[in-house]
PDB file of N, CA and C in Angstrom:
ATOM      1  N   MET A   1      -0.909 -37.364 -65.036  1.00  0.00           N
ATOM      2  CA  MET A   1      -0.499 -38.725 -65.307  1.00  0.00           C
ATOM      3  C   MET A   1      -0.118 -39.408 -63.987  1.00  0.00           C
ATOM      4  N   ALA A   2      -0.652 -40.574 -63.750  1.00  0.00           N
ATOM      5  CA  ALA A   2      -0.370 -41.310 -62.518  1.00  0.00           C
ATOM      6  C   ALA A   2       1.005 -41.964 -62.602  1.00  0.00           C
ATOM      7  N   VAL A   3       1.707 -41.904 -61.519  1.00  0.00           N
ATOM      8  CA  VAL A   3       3.017 -42.538 -61.421  1.00  0.00           C
ATOM      9  C   VAL A   3       2.821 -43.900 -60.765  1.00  0.00           C
ATOM     10  N   SER A   4       3.449 -44.930 -61.316  1.00  0.00           N
ATOM     11  CA  SER A   4       3.299 -46.263 -60.727  1.00  0.00           C
ATOM     12  C   SER A   4       4.051 -46.345 -59.397  1.00  0.00           C
ATOM     13  N   GLU A   5       3.754 -47.392 -58.654  1.00  0.00           N
ATOM     14  CA  GLU A   5       4.337 -47.557 -57.329  1.00  0.00           C
ATOM     15  C   GLU A   5       5.811 -47.935 -57.360  1.00  0.00           C
ATOM     16  N   LYS A   6       6.267 -48.568 -58.423  1.00  0.00           N
ATOM     17  CA  LYS A   6       7.648 -49.038 -58.557  1.00  0.00           C
ATOM     18  C   LYS A   6       7.972 -50.059 -57.466  1.00  0.00           C
ATOM     19  N   TRP A   7       7.414 -51.242 -57.629  1.00  0.00           N
ATOM     20  CA  TRP A   7       7.530 -52.330 -56.659  1.00  0.00           C
ATOM     21  C   TRP A   7       8.961 -52.806 -56.508  1.00  0.00           C
ATOM     22  N   TRP A   8       9.306 -53.209 -55.277  1.00  0.00           N
ATOM     23  CA  TRP A   8      10.619 -53.763 -54.961  1.00  0.00           C
ATOM     24  C   TRP A   8      10.566 -55.278 -55.021  1.00  0.00           C
ATOM     25  N   ARG A   9      11.711 -55.900 -55.265  1.00  0.00           N
ATOM     26  CA  ARG A   9      11.784 -57.368 -55.263  1.00  0.00           C
ATOM     27  C   ARG A   9      11.541 -57.925 -53.866  1.00  0.00           C
ATOM     28  N   GLN A  10      12.007 -57.222 -52.850  1.00  0.00           N
ATOM     29  CA  GLN A  10      11.885 -57.661 -51.455  1.00  0.00           C
ATOM     30  C   GLN A  10      11.385 -56.481 -50.613  1.00  0.00           C
ATOM     31  N   PRO A  11      10.275 -56.647 -49.894  1.00  0.00           N
ATOM     32  CA  PRO A  11       9.800 -55.564 -49.030  1.00  0.00           C
ATOM     33  C   PRO A  11      10.767 -55.295 -47.876  1.00  0.00           C
ATOM     34  N   VAL A  12      10.599 -54.161 -47.226  1.00  0.00           N
ATOM     35  CA  VAL A  12      11.404 -53.787 -46.067  1.00  0.00           C
ATOM     36  C   VAL A  12      10.494 -53.794 -44.845  1.00  0.00           C
ATOM     37  N   LEU A  13      10.916 -54.511 -43.817  1.00  0.00           N
ATOM     38  CA  LEU A  13      10.189 -54.596 -42.552  1.00  0.00           C
ATOM     39  C   LEU A  13      10.957 -53.755 -41.539  1.00  0.00           C
ATOM     40  N   LEU A  14      10.327 -52.680 -41.047  1.00  0.00           N
ATOM     41  CA  LEU A  14      11.036 -51.817 -40.126  1.00  0.00           C
ATOM     42  C   LEU A  14      10.190 -51.469 -38.910  1.00  0.00           C
ATOM     43  N   GLU A  15      10.881 -51.244 -37.819  1.00  0.00           N
ATOM     44  CA  GLU A  15      10.265 -50.935 -36.534  1.00  0.00           C
ATOM     45  C   GLU A  15      10.144 -49.414 -36.439  1.00  0.00           C
ATOM     46  N   LEU A  16       9.137 -48.872 -37.090  1.00  0.00           N
ATOM     47  CA  LEU A  16       9.030 -47.425 -37.267  1.00  0.00           C
ATOM     48  C   LEU A  16       8.284 -46.731 -36.136  1.00  0.00           C
ATOM     49  N   ASP A  17       7.258 -47.358 -35.604  1.00  0.00           N
ATOM     50  CA  ASP A  17       6.380 -46.681 -34.647  1.00  0.00           C
ATOM     51  C   ASP A  17       6.567 -47.146 -33.212  1.00  0.00           C
ATOM     52  N   GLY A  18       7.714 -47.680 -32.889  1.00  0.00           N
ATOM     53  CA  GLY A  18       7.988 -48.124 -31.528  1.00  0.00           C
ATOM     54  C   GLY A  18       8.421 -49.576 -31.504  1.00  0.00           C
ATOM     55  N   ILE A  19       8.915 -49.984 -30.362  1.00  0.00           N
ATOM     56  CA  ILE A  19       9.436 -51.338 -30.205  1.00  0.00           C
ATOM     57  C   ILE A  19       8.335 -52.360 -30.461  1.00  0.00           C
ATOM     58  N   GLY A  20       8.611 -53.276 -31.376  1.00  0.00           N
ATOM     59  CA  GLY A  20       7.666 -54.337 -31.707  1.00  0.00           C
ATOM     60  C   GLY A  20       6.562 -53.932 -32.657  1.00  0.00           C
ATOM     61  N   ASP A  21       6.527 -52.667 -33.063  1.00  0.00           N
ATOM     62  CA  ASP A  21       5.482 -52.175 -33.974  1.00  0.00           C
ATOM     63  C   ASP A  21       6.096 -52.025 -35.368  1.00  0.00           C
ATOM     64  N   TYR A  22       5.926 -53.064 -36.175  1.00  0.00           N
ATOM     65  CA  TYR A  22       6.579 -53.118 -37.483  1.00  0.00           C
ATOM     66  C   TYR A  22       5.681 -52.595 -38.598  1.00  0.00           C
ATOM     67  N   SER A  23       6.308 -51.965 -39.563  1.00  0.00           N
ATOM     68  CA  SER A  23       5.649 -51.522 -40.787  1.00  0.00           C
ATOM     69  C   SER A  23       6.336 -52.201 -41.959  1.00  0.00           C
ATOM     70  N   VAL A  24       5.573 -52.503 -42.986  1.00  0.00           N
ATOM     71  CA  VAL A  24       6.114 -53.098 -44.201  1.00  0.00           C
ATOM     72  C   VAL A  24       6.038 -52.058 -45.310  1.00  0.00           C
ATOM     73  N   VAL A  25       7.163 -51.837 -45.971  1.00  0.00           N
ATOM     74  CA  VAL A  25       7.218 -50.933 -47.117  1.00  0.00           C
ATOM     75  C   VAL A  25       7.578 -51.793 -48.317  1.00  0.00           C
ATOM     76  N   ARG A  26       6.694 -51.804 -49.315  1.00  0.00           N
ATOM     77  CA  ARG A  26       6.836 -52.724 -50.445  1.00  0.00           C
ATOM     78  C   ARG A  26       7.269 -52.070 -51.755  1.00  0.00           C
ATOM     79  N   ASN A  27       7.188 -50.757 -51.822  1.00  0.00           N
ATOM     80  CA  ASN A  27       7.495 -50.107 -53.093  1.00  0.00           C
ATOM     81  C   ASN A  27       7.983 -48.680 -52.866  1.00  0.00           C
ATOM     82  N   THR A  28       8.402 -48.056 -53.945  1.00  0.00           N
ATOM     83  CA  THR A  28       8.996 -46.729 -53.861  1.00  0.00           C
ATOM     84  C   THR A  28       7.984 -45.676 -53.452  1.00  0.00           C
ATOM     85  N   ARG A  29       6.751 -45.774 -53.919  1.00  0.00           N
ATOM     86  CA  ARG A  29       5.741 -44.791 -53.523  1.00  0.00           C
ATOM     87  C   ARG A  29       5.510 -44.850 -52.011  1.00  0.00           C
ATOM     88  N   GLU A  30       5.378 -46.057 -51.456  1.00  0.00           N
ATOM     89  CA  GLU A  30       5.208 -46.198 -50.004  1.00  0.00           C
ATOM     90  C   GLU A  30       6.416 -45.623 -49.266  1.00  0.00           C
ATOM     91  N   ALA A  31       7.612 -45.884 -49.768  1.00  0.00           N
ATOM     92  CA  ALA A  31       8.827 -45.370 -49.128  1.00  0.00           C
ATOM     93  C   ALA A  31       8.823 -43.849 -49.104  1.00  0.00           C
ATOM     94  N   ALA A  32       8.466 -43.230 -50.212  1.00  0.00           N
ATOM     95  CA  ALA A  32       8.423 -41.767 -50.269  1.00  0.00           C
ATOM     96  C   ALA A  32       7.415 -41.219 -49.265  1.00  0.00           C
ATOM     97  N   GLU A  33       6.248 -41.852 -49.173  1.00  0.00           N
ATOM     98  CA  GLU A  33       5.228 -41.404 -48.218  1.00  0.00           C
ATOM     99  C   GLU A  33       5.718 -41.543 -46.780  1.00  0.00           C
ATOM    100  N   VAL A  34       6.363 -42.664 -46.473  1.00  0.00           N
ATOM    101  CA  VAL A  34       6.888 -42.878 -45.123  1.00  0.00           C
ATOM    102  C   VAL A  34       7.973 -41.846 -44.812  1.00  0.00           C
ATOM    103  N   LEU A  35       8.877 -41.626 -45.739  1.00  0.00           N
ATOM    104  CA  LEU A  35       9.951 -40.655 -45.521  1.00  0.00           C
ATOM    105  C   LEU A  35       9.403 -39.250 -45.293  1.00  0.00           C
ATOM    106  N   LEU A  36       8.405 -38.868 -46.040  1.00  0.00           N
ATOM    107  CA  LEU A  36       7.866 -37.513 -45.934  1.00  0.00           C
ATOM    108  C   LEU A  36       6.911 -37.336 -44.759  1.00  0.00           C
ATOM    109  N   ASP A  37       6.129 -38.365 -44.435  1.00  0.00           N
ATOM    110  CA  ASP A  37       5.049 -38.201 -43.458  1.00  0.00           C
ATOM    111  C   ASP A  37       5.288 -38.847 -42.099  1.00  0.00           C
ATOM    112  N   ARG A  38       6.152 -39.853 -42.020  1.00  0.00           N
ATOM    113  CA  ARG A  38       6.275 -40.607 -40.766  1.00  0.00           C
ATOM    114  C   ARG A  38       7.694 -40.688 -40.228  1.00  0.00           C
ATOM    115  N   TRP A  39       8.649 -40.164 -40.956  1.00  0.00           N
ATOM    116  CA  TRP A  39      10.052 -40.285 -40.563  1.00  0.00           C
ATOM    117  C   TRP A  39      10.336 -39.401 -39.358  1.00  0.00           C
ATOM    118  N   PRO A  40      11.169 -39.871 -38.410  1.00  0.00           N
ATOM    119  CA  PRO A  40      11.408 -39.098 -37.183  1.00  0.00           C
ATOM    120  C   PRO A  40      12.211 -37.811 -37.393  1.00  0.00           C
ATOM    121  N   THR A  41      12.973 -37.736 -38.470  1.00  0.00           N
ATOM    122  CA  THR A  41      13.746 -36.526 -38.752  1.00  0.00           C
ATOM    123  C   THR A  41      13.838 -36.324 -40.260  1.00  0.00           C
ATOM    124  N   HIS A  42      13.878 -35.090 -40.665  1.00  0.00           N
ATOM    125  CA  HIS A  42      14.017 -34.786 -42.090  1.00  0.00           C
ATOM    126  C   HIS A  42      15.400 -34.216 -42.372  1.00  0.00           C
ATOM    127  N   GLU A  43      16.359 -34.675 -41.604  1.00  0.00           N
ATOM    128  CA  GLU A  43      17.755 -34.260 -41.735  1.00  0.00           C
ATOM    129  C   GLU A  43      18.615 -35.480 -42.039  1.00  0.00           C
ATOM    130  N   GLY A  44      19.824 -35.223 -42.475  1.00  0.00           N
ATOM    131  CA  GLY A  44      20.796 -36.294 -42.688  1.00  0.00           C
ATOM    132  C   GLY A  44      21.025 -36.583 -44.159  1.00  0.00           C
ATOM    133  N   ALA A  45      22.252 -36.959 -44.461  1.00  0.00           N
ATOM    134  CA  ALA A  45      22.640 -37.222 -45.847  1.00  0.00           C
ATOM    135  C   ALA A  45      21.891 -38.409 -46.436  1.00  0.00           C
ATOM    136  N   ALA A  46      21.750 -39.487 -45.662  1.00  0.00           N
ATOM    137  CA  ALA A  46      21.060 -40.677 -46.184  1.00  0.00           C
ATOM    138  C   ALA A  46      19.578 -40.401 -46.395  1.00  0.00           C
ATOM    139  N   TYR A  47      18.962 -39.643 -45.490  1.00  0.00           N
ATOM    140  CA  TYR A  47      17.549 -39.268 -45.656  1.00  0.00           C
ATOM    141  C   TYR A  47      17.366 -38.489 -46.964  1.00  0.00           C
ATOM    142  N   LYS A  48      18.197 -37.493 -47.163  1.00  0.00           N
ATOM    143  CA  LYS A  48      18.085 -36.655 -48.367  1.00  0.00           C
ATOM    144  C   LYS A  48      18.358 -37.467 -49.633  1.00  0.00           C
ATOM    145  N   ALA A  49      19.321 -38.389 -49.565  1.00  0.00           N
ATOM    146  CA  ALA A  49      19.607 -39.256 -50.713  1.00  0.00           C
ATOM    147  C   ALA A  49      18.419 -40.165 -51.011  1.00  0.00           C
ATOM    148  N   ALA A  50      17.758 -40.673 -49.973  1.00  0.00           N
ATOM    149  CA  ALA A  50      16.598 -41.551 -50.168  1.00  0.00           C
ATOM    150  C   ALA A  50      15.439 -40.795 -50.808  1.00  0.00           C
ATOM    151  N   ILE A  51      15.190 -39.580 -50.366  1.00  0.00           N
ATOM    152  CA  ILE A  51      14.134 -38.754 -50.972  1.00  0.00           C
ATOM    153  C   ILE A  51      14.444 -38.523 -52.448  1.00  0.00           C
ATOM    154  N   ARG A  52      15.679 -38.161 -52.725  1.00  0.00           N
ATOM    155  CA  ARG A  52      16.102 -37.900 -54.104  1.00  0.00           C
ATOM    156  C   ARG A  52      15.947 -39.148 -54.969  1.00  0.00           C
ATOM    157  N   MET A  53      16.388 -40.301 -54.449  1.00  0.00           N
ATOM    158  CA  MET A  53      16.306 -41.538 -55.225  1.00  0.00           C
ATOM    159  C   MET A  53      14.858 -41.949 -55.451  1.00  0.00           C
ATOM    160  N   CYS A  54      13.996 -41.764 -54.465  1.00  0.00           N
ATOM    161  CA  CYS A  54      12.570 -42.063 -54.673  1.00  0.00           C
ATOM    162  C   CYS A  54      12.035 -41.242 -55.842  1.00  0.00           C
ATOM    163  N   ARG A  55      12.386 -39.981 -55.889  1.00  0.00           N
ATOM    164  CA  ARG A  55      11.941 -39.122 -56.988  1.00  0.00           C
ATOM    165  C   ARG A  55      12.472 -39.641 -58.329  1.00  0.00           C
ATOM    166  N   TYR A  56      13.751 -40.000 -58.384  1.00  0.00           N
ATOM    167  CA  TYR A  56      14.323 -40.525 -59.626  1.00  0.00           C
ATOM    168  C   TYR A  56      13.610 -41.797 -60.071  1.00  0.00           C
ATOM    169  N   VAL A  57      13.372 -42.699 -59.129  1.00  0.00           N
ATOM    170  CA  VAL A  57      12.713 -43.969 -59.457  1.00  0.00           C
ATOM    171  C   VAL A  57      11.287 -43.722 -59.925  1.00  0.00           C
ATOM    172  N   LEU A  58      10.541 -42.891 -59.209  1.00  0.00           N
ATOM    173  CA  LEU A  58       9.151 -42.622 -59.589  1.00  0.00           C
ATOM    174  C   LEU A  58       9.055 -41.932 -60.947  1.00  0.00           C
ATOM    175  N   ASN A  59      10.102 -41.203 -61.321  1.00  0.00           N
ATOM    176  CA  ASN A  59      10.147 -40.566 -62.643  1.00  0.00           C
ATOM    177  C   ASN A  59      10.695 -41.494 -63.725  1.00  0.00           C
ATOM    178  N   GLY A  60      11.036 -42.736 -63.347  1.00  0.00           N
ATOM    179  CA  GLY A  60      11.527 -43.703 -64.319  1.00  0.00           C
ATOM    180  C   GLY A  60      12.988 -43.550 -64.688  1.00  0.00           C
ATOM    181  N   GLU A  61      13.744 -42.813 -63.886  1.00  0.00           N
ATOM    182  CA  GLU A  61      15.142 -42.544 -64.199  1.00  0.00           C
ATOM    183  C   GLU A  61      16.118 -43.554 -63.592  1.00  0.00           C
ATOM    184  N   GLN A  62      15.663 -44.353 -62.616  1.00  0.00           N
ATOM    185  CA  GLN A  62      16.515 -45.339 -61.954  1.00  0.00           C
ATOM    186  C   GLN A  62      15.691 -46.584 -61.653  1.00  0.00           C
ATOM    187  N   PRO A  63      16.345 -47.738 -61.470  1.00  0.00           N
ATOM    188  CA  PRO A  63      15.627 -48.970 -61.102  1.00  0.00           C
ATOM    189  C   PRO A  63      15.017 -48.854 -59.701  1.00  0.00           C
ATOM    190  N   ALA A  64      13.891 -49.514 -59.493  1.00  0.00           N
ATOM    191  CA  ALA A  64      13.152 -49.416 -58.230  1.00  0.00           C
ATOM    192  C   ALA A  64      13.984 -49.827 -57.023  1.00  0.00           C
ATOM    193  N   ASP A  65      14.789 -50.870 -57.143  1.00  0.00           N
ATOM    194  CA  ASP A  65      15.531 -51.348 -55.976  1.00  0.00           C
ATOM    195  C   ASP A  65      16.624 -50.388 -55.511  1.00  0.00           C
ATOM    196  N   TYR A  66      16.978 -49.395 -56.326  1.00  0.00           N
ATOM    197  CA  TYR A  66      17.902 -48.360 -55.855  1.00  0.00           C
ATOM    198  C   TYR A  66      17.248 -47.565 -54.728  1.00  0.00           C
ATOM    199  N   ALA A  67      15.954 -47.303 -54.858  1.00  0.00           N
ATOM    200  CA  ALA A  67      15.236 -46.584 -53.802  1.00  0.00           C
ATOM    201  C   ALA A  67      15.189 -47.420 -52.531  1.00  0.00           C
ATOM    202  N   ARG A  68      15.028 -48.729 -52.678  1.00  0.00           N
ATOM    203  CA  ARG A  68      15.014 -49.621 -51.514  1.00  0.00           C
ATOM    204  C   ARG A  68      16.330 -49.533 -50.756  1.00  0.00           C
ATOM    205  N   GLU A  69      17.444 -49.580 -51.477  1.00  0.00           N
ATOM    206  CA  GLU A  69      18.761 -49.508 -50.843  1.00  0.00           C
ATOM    207  C   GLU A  69      18.939 -48.195 -50.083  1.00  0.00           C
ATOM    208  N   ASP A  70      18.551 -47.092 -50.700  1.00  0.00           N
ATOM    209  CA  ASP A  70      18.693 -45.791 -50.043  1.00  0.00           C
ATOM    210  C   ASP A  70      17.716 -45.639 -48.882  1.00  0.00           C
ATOM    211  N   PHE A  71      16.530 -46.249 -48.996  1.00  0.00           N
ATOM    212  CA  PHE A  71      15.551 -46.225 -47.908  1.00  0.00           C
ATOM    213  C   PHE A  71      16.117 -46.936 -46.675  1.00  0.00           C
ATOM    214  N   ILE A  72      16.737 -48.085 -46.873  1.00  0.00           N
ATOM    215  CA  ILE A  72      17.350 -48.822 -45.761  1.00  0.00           C
ATOM    216  C   ILE A  72      18.491 -48.007 -45.149  1.00  0.00           C
ATOM    217  N   ALA A  73      19.295 -47.366 -45.974  1.00  0.00           N
ATOM    218  CA  ALA A  73      20.385 -46.530 -45.456  1.00  0.00           C
ATOM    219  C   ALA A  73      19.835 -45.380 -44.617  1.00  0.00           C
ATOM    220  N   ALA A  74      18.727 -44.795 -45.039  1.00  0.00           N
ATOM    221  CA  ALA A  74      18.104 -43.718 -44.259  1.00  0.00           C
ATOM    222  C   ALA A  74      17.583 -44.244 -42.927  1.00  0.00           C
ATOM    223  N   ALA A  75      17.053 -45.463 -42.929  1.00  0.00           N
ATOM    224  CA  ALA A  75      16.580 -46.067 -41.678  1.00  0.00           C
ATOM    225  C   ALA A  75      17.742 -46.272 -40.710  1.00  0.00           C
ATOM    226  N   VAL A  76      18.844 -46.781 -41.209  1.00  0.00           N
ATOM    227  CA  VAL A  76      20.028 -46.986 -40.364  1.00  0.00           C
ATOM    228  C   VAL A  76      20.487 -45.645 -39.792  1.00  0.00           C
ATOM    229  N   GLU A  77      20.536 -44.631 -40.634  1.00  0.00           N
ATOM    230  CA  GLU A  77      20.954 -43.300 -40.197  1.00  0.00           C
ATOM    231  C   GLU A  77      20.044 -42.758 -39.085  1.00  0.00           C
ATOM    232  N   ALA A  78      18.742 -43.044 -39.176  1.00  0.00           N
ATOM    233  CA  ALA A  78      17.761 -42.541 -38.204  1.00  0.00           C
ATOM    234  C   ALA A  78      17.581 -43.484 -37.016  1.00  0.00           C
ATOM    235  N   TYR A  79      18.413 -44.519 -36.924  1.00  0.00           N
ATOM    236  CA  TYR A  79      18.331 -45.511 -35.843  1.00  0.00           C
ATOM    237  C   TYR A  79      16.982 -46.229 -35.824  1.00  0.00           C
ATOM    238  N   ILE A  80      16.461 -46.504 -36.996  1.00  0.00           N
ATOM    239  CA  ILE A  80      15.233 -47.286 -37.141  1.00  0.00           C
ATOM    240  C   ILE A  80      15.655 -48.714 -37.457  1.00  0.00           C
ATOM    241  N   HIS A  81      15.173 -49.657 -36.666  1.00  0.00           N
ATOM    242  CA  HIS A  81      15.558 -51.055 -36.843  1.00  0.00           C
ATOM    243  C   HIS A  81      14.908 -51.637 -38.098  1.00  0.00           C
ATOM    244  N   VAL A  82      15.725 -52.198 -38.967  1.00  0.00           N
ATOM    245  CA  VAL A  82      15.255 -52.926 -40.146  1.00  0.00           C
ATOM    246  C   VAL A  82      15.447 -54.402 -39.842  1.00  0.00           C
ATOM    247  N   ASP A  83      14.349 -55.165 -39.876  1.00  0.00           N
ATOM    248  CA  ASP A  83      14.397 -56.581 -39.510  1.00  0.00           C
ATOM    249  C   ASP A  83      14.427 -57.431 -40.771  1.00  0.00           C
ATOM    250  N   GLU A  84      15.584 -58.017 -41.041  1.00  0.00           N
ATOM    251  CA  GLU A  84      15.715 -58.870 -42.216  1.00  0.00           C
ATOM    252  C   GLU A  84      15.664 -60.343 -41.843  1.00  0.00           C
ATOM    253  N   SER A  85      15.409 -60.637 -40.561  1.00  0.00           N
ATOM    254  CA  SER A  85      15.373 -62.029 -40.120  1.00  0.00           C
ATOM    255  C   SER A  85      13.973 -62.623 -40.171  1.00  0.00           C
ATOM    256  N   ARG A  86      12.947 -61.772 -40.274  1.00  0.00           N
ATOM    257  CA  ARG A  86      11.560 -62.248 -40.291  1.00  0.00           C
ATOM    258  C   ARG A  86      10.946 -61.973 -41.653  1.00  0.00           C
ATOM    259  N   PRO A  87      10.029 -62.823 -42.079  1.00  0.00           N
ATOM    260  CA  PRO A  87       9.304 -62.509 -43.308  1.00  0.00           C
ATOM    261  C   PRO A  87       8.376 -61.325 -43.056  1.00  0.00           C
ATOM    262  N   PRO A  88       8.129 -60.499 -44.055  1.00  0.00           N
ATOM    263  CA  PRO A  88       7.252 -59.342 -43.875  1.00  0.00           C
ATOM    264  C   PRO A  88       5.849 -59.759 -43.460  1.00  0.00           C
ATOM    265  N   VAL A  89       5.224 -58.927 -42.640  1.00  0.00           N
ATOM    266  CA  VAL A  89       3.838 -59.139 -42.228  1.00  0.00           C
ATOM    267  C   VAL A  89       2.939 -58.248 -43.062  1.00  0.00           C
ATOM    268  N   SER A  90       1.682 -58.609 -43.157  1.00  0.00           N
ATOM    269  CA  SER A  90       0.747 -57.795 -43.950  1.00  0.00           C
ATOM    270  C   SER A  90       0.283 -56.587 -43.192  1.00  0.00           C
TER     271      SER A  90
END
């Protein structure tokens, strides 16, 4: 059975791959993929909470925007800049 993406109300724009190189994460599935495949560290309480929340959301146990909140907290913990001053880019 396919799991839906669980779209967020507001995408997250983060500087993941270096200064000035922004990525847009629009939903919980994208967040889980970024956390597992592109995140600089797989340690930390916020990182682990974000992984857990993505799983809960994808299983339909929590609202999608809970994963967004935990994803942003994991970014802060990993010193990844989240830019809320610019509109997301495609």
